[in-house]
C-alpha atoms as a PDB file:
ATOM      1  CA  MET A   1      19.972 -11.540 -11.812  1.00  0.00           C
ATOM      2  CA  THR A   2      18.744  -9.193 -14.533  1.00  0.00           C
ATOM      3  CA  CYS A   3      20.246  -5.746 -14.918  1.00  0.00           C
ATOM      4  CA  ARG A   4      18.732  -2.614 -16.385  1.00  0.00           C
ATOM      5  CA  TYR A   5      20.829   0.483 -17.139  1.00  0.00           C
ATOM      6  CA  PHE A   6      19.593   4.050 -17.280  1.00  0.00           C
ATOM      7  CA  LYS A   7      21.035   7.492 -17.856  1.00  0.00           C
ATOM      8  CA  VAL A   8      19.608   9.862 -15.261  1.00  0.00           C
ATOM      9  CA  ALA A   9      20.303  13.385 -14.058  1.00  0.00           C
ATOM     10  CA  HIS A  10      22.578  13.544 -11.023  1.00  0.00           C
ATOM     11  CA  ARG A  11      19.881  15.338  -9.046  1.00  0.00           C
ATOM     12  CA  ASP A  12      17.564  12.318  -9.501  1.00  0.00           C
ATOM     13  CA  MET A  13      20.010   9.606  -8.420  1.00  0.00           C
ATOM     14  CA  VAL A  14      19.409  10.002  -4.683  1.00  0.00           C
ATOM     15  CA  PHE A  15      15.629  10.112  -5.135  1.00  0.00           C
ATOM     16  CA  LEU A  16      15.690   6.903  -7.185  1.00  0.00           C
ATOM     17  CA  LYS A  17      18.014   5.223  -4.675  1.00  0.00           C
ATOM     18  CA  PHE A  18      15.621   5.955  -1.784  1.00  0.00           C
ATOM     19  CA  ILE A  19      12.562   4.778  -3.699  1.00  0.00           C
ATOM     20  CA  LEU A  20      14.237   1.568  -4.911  1.00  0.00           C
ATOM     21  CA  GLU A  21      15.641   0.797  -1.449  1.00  0.00           C
ATOM     22  CA  ALA A  22      12.046   0.660  -0.200  1.00  0.00           C
ATOM     23  CA  TYR A  23      11.653  -2.456  -2.365  1.00  0.00           C
ATOM     24  CA  GLU A  24      14.216  -4.325  -0.281  1.00  0.00           C
ATOM     25  CA  GLY A  25      15.179  -7.724  -1.601  1.00  0.00           C
ATOM     26  CA  MET A  26      13.846  -7.007  -5.085  1.00  0.00           C
ATOM     27  CA  ASN A  27      16.699  -4.943  -6.486  1.00  0.00           C
ATOM     28  CA  VAL A  28      19.994  -3.176  -5.908  1.00  0.00           C
ATOM     29  CA  MET A  29      20.754   0.177  -7.509  1.00  0.00           C
ATOM     30  CA  SER A  30      24.366   1.184  -8.181  1.00  0.00           C
ATOM     31  CA  THR A  31      26.051   4.020 -10.007  1.00  0.00           C
ATOM     32  CA  VAL A  32      28.291   2.616 -12.744  1.00  0.00           C
ATOM     33  CA  ASP A  33      29.429   5.934 -14.270  1.00  0.00           C
ATOM     34  CA  ASN A  34      28.870   8.956 -12.069  1.00  0.00           C
ATOM     35  CA  LYS A  35      30.177  11.427 -14.636  1.00  0.00           C
ATOM     36  CA  ALA A  36      27.790  10.199 -17.345  1.00  0.00           C
ATOM     37  CA  GLY A  37      24.907   9.608 -14.909  1.00  0.00           C
ATOM     38  CA  ILE A  38      24.589   5.873 -15.639  1.00  0.00           C
ATOM     39  CA  ILE A  39      22.939   3.686 -13.019  1.00  0.00           C
ATOM     40  CA  ARG A  40      22.511  -0.086 -12.857  1.00  0.00           C
ATOM     41  CA  ILE A  41      19.433  -1.668 -11.337  1.00  0.00           C
ATOM     42  CA  ALA A  42      20.120  -5.323 -10.591  1.00  0.00           C
ATOM     43  CA  ILE A  43      16.802  -7.159 -10.311  1.00  0.00           C
ATOM     44  CA  MET A  44      16.579 -10.356  -8.320  1.00  0.00           C
ATOM     45  CA  PRO A  45      15.071 -13.471  -9.923  1.00  0.00           C
ATOM     46  CA  GLY A  46      11.293 -13.589  -9.709  1.00  0.00           C
ATOM     47  CA  PHE A  47      10.875  -9.806  -9.536  1.00  0.00           C
ATOM     48  CA  VAL A  48      11.628  -8.743 -13.123  1.00  0.00           C
ATOM     49  CA  ALA A  49       8.009  -8.093 -14.131  1.00  0.00           C
ATOM     50  CA  ASP A  50       7.250  -6.190 -10.911  1.00  0.00           C
ATOM     51  CA  MET A  51      10.388  -4.072 -11.224  1.00  0.00           C
ATOM     52  CA  ASP A  52       9.788  -3.355 -14.918  1.00  0.00           C
ATOM     53  CA  GLU A  53       6.337  -2.053 -13.972  1.00  0.00           C
ATOM     54  CA  LEU A  54       7.807   0.063 -11.154  1.00  0.00           C
ATOM     55  CA  LEU A  55      10.550   1.424 -13.425  1.00  0.00           C
ATOM     56  CA  ALA A  56       7.983   2.352 -16.071  1.00  0.00           C
ATOM     57  CA  ASP A  57       6.016   4.253 -13.422  1.00  0.00           C
ATOM     58  CA  LEU A  58       9.140   5.964 -12.084  1.00  0.00           C
ATOM     59  CA  GLY A  59      10.061   6.890 -15.646  1.00  0.00           C
ATOM     60  CA  ARG A  60       6.896   8.974 -15.852  1.00  0.00           C
ATOM     61  CA  GLN A  61       8.073  10.976 -12.810  1.00  0.00           C
ATOM     62  CA  VAL A  62      11.842  11.075 -13.361  1.00  0.00           C
ATOM     63  CA  PRO A  63      13.555  11.223 -16.758  1.00  0.00           C
ATOM     64  CA  MET A  64      15.289   7.843 -17.133  1.00  0.00           C
ATOM     65  CA  GLU A  65      16.819   6.992 -20.494  1.00  0.00           C
ATOM     66  CA  PRO A  66      17.414   3.250 -20.966  1.00  0.00           C
ATOM     67  CA  THR A  67      20.965   2.631 -22.097  1.00  0.00           C
ATOM     68  CA  GLU A  68      23.314  -0.222 -22.927  1.00  0.00           C
ATOM     69  CA  TRP A  69      26.279  -0.924 -20.679  1.00  0.00           C
ATOM     70  CA  ARG A  70      28.881  -3.675 -20.772  1.00  0.00           C
ATOM     71  CA  ASP A  71      29.080  -5.020 -17.244  1.00  0.00           C
ATOM     72  CA  GLU A  72      30.789  -8.183 -16.093  1.00  0.00           C
ATOM     73  CA  LEU A  73      28.595  -8.311 -12.967  1.00  0.00           C
ATOM     74  CA  CYS A  74      25.468  -8.895 -15.037  1.00  0.00           C
ATOM     75  CA  THR A  75      26.564 -11.350 -17.690  1.00  0.00           C
ATOM     76  CA  PHE A  76      24.898 -14.438 -16.252  1.00  0.00           C
END
């Protein structure tokens, strides 16, 4: 599993969750720090390129700042 972390506005979290849920089996989005607005997108093996393309497209619609996050769930 590959994880990507982004800082997003709280108002955009639900929108992103609904869009990413439509790509069932490709990813799982979780909030890792609600106060700071940090989300984790865990990408399943074989879908990294597709999800990176989708995230780039979403980033043109919703401000998403890539960020670093230390996470034991994604240290494979």
